[in-house]
Structure formats: structure tokens, C-alpha cells
Amino acid sequence: MKLPGVPPSPVPSPCIQVCIMDEATGWCEGCWRTLDEIAGWGSASEAIKIKVWEKIILRQYSGE
């Protein structure tokens, strides 16, 4: 499923230079990624990057 707001290829990084990890969720408060997602971004395929963006959007919509 393609969610609205997922960026086109090439997939840009969601980083906005606000690098604060939320201990409760395990997500960065700036980009909504986990440490594993952040660490793997540079070597991730475009397909994986899109999946990370989809997770980010779901996290934002879920309000968790």
C-alpha cells in the first residue's frame, strides 16, 4: 500500500537535524526513525527507504 506523503525516488532522508531520541518510543523526535533505521539509511535500498517513510507516516498518524 502506498501511503500519501511518501516521497518519490530518489528517496530523501527524513532527517531534519533534530536528533533527540524519545526513550518511551525509541524514535527520534525529529525524524521519527529508530536508531537502527537511522544507522542503516545510507546503505538501504530505495525500497527499504520507502518502507521506512511509510513507518514514519504511520507513527505520526498513530500518535503513539
N, C-alpha and C. Protein backbone atom coordinates (compact mmCIF):
# COMPACT_ATOMS: atom_id res chain seq x y z
N MET A 1 0.85 -1.18 0.00
CA MET A 1 0.00 0.00 0.00
C MET A 1 0.89 1.24 0.00
N LYS A 2 0.62 2.15 -0.88
CA LYS A 2 1.35 3.41 -0.97
C LYS A 2 0.60 4.46 -0.16
N LEU A 3 1.26 5.00 0.84
CA LEU A 3 0.62 5.99 1.70
C LEU A 3 0.86 7.39 1.18
N PRO A 4 -0.09 8.31 1.39
CA PRO A 4 0.12 9.68 0.95
C PRO A 4 1.27 10.32 1.70
N GLY A 5 2.03 11.11 1.00
CA GLY A 5 3.14 11.81 1.63
C GLY A 5 4.47 11.09 1.53
N VAL A 6 4.47 9.85 1.01
CA VAL A 6 5.73 9.13 0.84
C VAL A 6 6.46 9.76 -0.33
N PRO A 7 7.71 10.17 -0.13
CA PRO A 7 8.44 10.88 -1.18
C PRO A 7 8.79 9.99 -2.36
N PRO A 8 8.97 10.60 -3.52
CA PRO A 8 9.34 9.86 -4.73
C PRO A 8 10.82 9.48 -4.71
N SER A 9 11.23 8.72 -5.69
CA SER A 9 12.63 8.31 -5.83
C SER A 9 13.38 9.44 -6.53
N PRO A 10 14.63 9.75 -6.21
CA PRO A 10 15.38 9.15 -5.10
C PRO A 10 14.80 9.59 -3.76
N VAL A 11 14.77 8.66 -2.84
CA VAL A 11 14.13 8.91 -1.56
C VAL A 11 15.03 9.76 -0.67
N PRO A 12 14.55 10.94 -0.28
CA PRO A 12 15.36 11.81 0.57
C PRO A 12 15.34 11.33 2.02
N SER A 13 16.36 11.70 2.75
CA SER A 13 16.42 11.38 4.17
C SER A 13 15.36 12.19 4.91
N PRO A 14 14.71 11.59 5.90
CA PRO A 14 13.74 12.33 6.70
C PRO A 14 14.39 13.19 7.79
N CYS A 15 15.71 13.15 7.89
CA CYS A 15 16.43 13.88 8.94
C CYS A 15 16.19 15.39 8.81
N ILE A 16 15.84 16.03 9.95
CA ILE A 16 15.66 17.48 9.97
C ILE A 16 16.63 18.13 10.97
N GLN A 17 17.70 17.40 11.31
CA GLN A 17 18.75 17.91 12.19
C GLN A 17 18.26 18.16 13.62
N VAL A 18 17.23 17.43 14.04
CA VAL A 18 16.75 17.47 15.42
C VAL A 18 16.93 16.05 15.94
N CYS A 19 18.08 15.77 16.51
CA CYS A 19 18.44 14.40 16.88
C CYS A 19 18.29 14.19 18.38
N ILE A 20 17.04 13.91 18.78
CA ILE A 20 16.73 13.66 20.18
C ILE A 20 15.91 12.37 20.22
N MET A 21 16.45 11.36 20.88
CA MET A 21 15.75 10.08 20.95
C MET A 21 14.75 10.08 22.11
N ASP A 22 13.54 9.67 21.81
CA ASP A 22 12.49 9.54 22.82
C ASP A 22 12.62 8.16 23.45
N GLU A 23 12.91 8.11 24.73
CA GLU A 23 13.11 6.83 25.41
C GLU A 23 11.85 5.98 25.43
N ALA A 24 10.70 6.60 25.50
CA ALA A 24 9.45 5.85 25.57
C ALA A 24 9.13 5.12 24.26
N THR A 25 9.35 5.79 23.12
CA THR A 25 9.00 5.20 21.83
C THR A 25 10.20 4.57 21.13
N GLY A 26 11.40 5.07 21.41
CA GLY A 26 12.59 4.62 20.70
C GLY A 26 12.77 5.31 19.37
N TRP A 27 12.00 6.38 19.14
CA TRP A 27 12.07 7.12 17.89
C TRP A 27 12.74 8.46 18.10
N CYS A 28 13.41 8.93 17.04
CA CYS A 28 13.97 10.27 17.06
C CYS A 28 12.81 11.27 17.02
N GLU A 29 12.88 12.29 17.85
CA GLU A 29 11.82 13.30 17.88
C GLU A 29 11.80 14.16 16.62
N GLY A 30 12.90 14.20 15.88
CA GLY A 30 12.95 14.99 14.66
C GLY A 30 12.46 14.25 13.43
N CYS A 31 12.94 13.02 13.25
CA CYS A 31 12.63 12.29 12.00
C CYS A 31 11.75 11.07 12.20
N TRP A 32 11.43 10.72 13.44
CA TRP A 32 10.55 9.60 13.76
C TRP A 32 11.14 8.24 13.42
N ARG A 33 12.45 8.15 13.23
CA ARG A 33 13.08 6.86 12.94
C ARG A 33 13.68 6.26 14.20
N THR A 34 13.88 4.93 14.18
CA THR A 34 14.58 4.24 15.25
C THR A 34 16.08 4.38 15.00
N LEU A 35 16.88 4.04 16.00
CA LEU A 35 18.34 4.07 15.81
C LEU A 35 18.77 3.14 14.69
N ASP A 36 18.16 1.95 14.60
CA ASP A 36 18.51 1.02 13.52
C ASP A 36 18.17 1.60 12.15
N GLU A 37 17.03 2.26 12.04
CA GLU A 37 16.65 2.88 10.76
C GLU A 37 17.60 4.01 10.39
N ILE A 38 18.00 4.78 11.38
CA ILE A 38 18.95 5.87 11.13
C ILE A 38 20.30 5.32 10.69
N ALA A 39 20.80 4.33 11.43
CA ALA A 39 22.11 3.75 11.13
C ALA A 39 22.15 3.07 9.76
N GLY A 40 21.04 2.46 9.34
CA GLY A 40 21.03 1.74 8.09
C GLY A 40 20.65 2.56 6.87
N TRP A 41 20.28 3.81 7.08
CA TRP A 41 19.77 4.63 5.97
C TRP A 41 20.74 4.74 4.80
N GLY A 42 22.00 5.01 5.07
CA GLY A 42 22.98 5.23 3.99
C GLY A 42 23.17 4.04 3.08
N SER A 43 23.01 2.84 3.58
CA SER A 43 23.22 1.65 2.77
C SER A 43 21.91 0.99 2.35
N ALA A 44 20.78 1.58 2.71
CA ALA A 44 19.48 0.99 2.40
C ALA A 44 19.12 1.21 0.93
N SER A 45 18.39 0.23 0.38
CA SER A 45 17.88 0.37 -0.98
C SER A 45 16.75 1.38 -1.00
N GLU A 46 16.37 1.82 -2.18
CA GLU A 46 15.25 2.75 -2.32
C GLU A 46 13.97 2.12 -1.76
N ALA A 47 13.77 0.83 -1.99
CA ALA A 47 12.57 0.14 -1.50
C ALA A 47 12.52 0.16 0.03
N ILE A 48 13.65 -0.07 0.67
CA ILE A 48 13.69 -0.05 2.13
C ILE A 48 13.46 1.36 2.65
N LYS A 49 14.04 2.35 1.97
CA LYS A 49 13.83 3.74 2.39
C LYS A 49 12.35 4.13 2.30
N ILE A 50 11.67 3.67 1.28
CA ILE A 50 10.24 3.94 1.15
C ILE A 50 9.48 3.27 2.29
N LYS A 51 9.85 2.06 2.64
CA LYS A 51 9.20 1.37 3.76
C LYS A 51 9.41 2.11 5.08
N VAL A 52 10.63 2.67 5.26
CA VAL A 52 10.89 3.46 6.47
C VAL A 52 10.00 4.70 6.47
N TRP A 53 9.87 5.37 5.33
CA TRP A 53 8.98 6.53 5.25
C TRP A 53 7.54 6.14 5.58
N GLU A 54 7.10 4.98 5.09
CA GLU A 54 5.74 4.52 5.40
C GLU A 54 5.58 4.32 6.91
N LYS A 55 6.59 3.75 7.56
CA LYS A 55 6.55 3.57 9.01
C LYS A 55 6.48 4.92 9.73
N ILE A 56 7.26 5.88 9.24
CA ILE A 56 7.27 7.22 9.84
C ILE A 56 5.87 7.82 9.77
N ILE A 57 5.25 7.72 8.62
CA ILE A 57 3.91 8.29 8.43
C ILE A 57 2.91 7.60 9.36
N LEU A 58 2.99 6.29 9.46
CA LEU A 58 2.09 5.56 10.36
C LEU A 58 2.33 5.96 11.81
N ARG A 59 3.58 6.15 12.20
CA ARG A 59 3.89 6.58 13.56
C ARG A 59 3.29 7.96 13.85
N GLN A 60 3.40 8.85 12.88
CA GLN A 60 2.86 10.19 13.07
C GLN A 60 1.33 10.16 13.17
N TYR A 61 0.69 9.35 12.34
CA TYR A 61 -0.77 9.26 12.36
C TYR A 61 -1.29 8.55 13.59
N SER A 62 -0.51 7.59 14.10
CA SER A 62 -0.98 6.80 15.25
C SER A 62 -0.94 7.62 16.54
N GLY A 63 -0.08 8.64 16.55
CA GLY A 63 0.03 9.49 17.73
C GLY A 63 0.67 8.81 18.92
N GLU A 64 1.34 7.70 18.66
CA GLU A 64 1.99 6.98 19.77
C GLU A 64 3.22 7.71 20.26
